[in-house]
Amino acid sequence: MDAHYLGYFECFNRQLFYEAHDVLEELWLPQRNQPNDLFFKGLIQLAGAFVHLQKERLKPAGALFKLARANIERYPSPHEALATSDVLKLIEEWLGGLEKSGFSENPLSKTAPPRLRLLPNA
């Protein structure tokens, strides 16, 4: 697997969401308009949503969760060794928390940070 792809998960799981976004962008930019274009874009948007949460920008986080969902749901589960169905559940949980509070409470302040994992032997 590409080092940028693996680096995304390493950064994401260490709550280095901006860095996760940045490292995957290196892989995504040359692959725009290719089969994985929207998949990588969705993962970048997912990391971006958490950057917004870290900066207490709740409505922009919600908007990015929705964009990430729209892009990732186009792909089967699993895809590129990632259970996209699990990622979509994660998005629904975090977006749901924001919407439930009317975008007034940051779920990152009271919920364990998200983690993404690649499937073994994929």
Foldseek 3Di string as FASTA:
>chain_A
DDPLQVVLQVCLQVLVLVVSLVSLVVVQPVQCVHPCNLVSVLSSLQSVLSVCLVVLNQVSSLVSLVSSLVSLVVDDAPDPQFGSVVVNVVSCVQSVVCVVVVNPDRVPVPDDRDHTDGHPPD
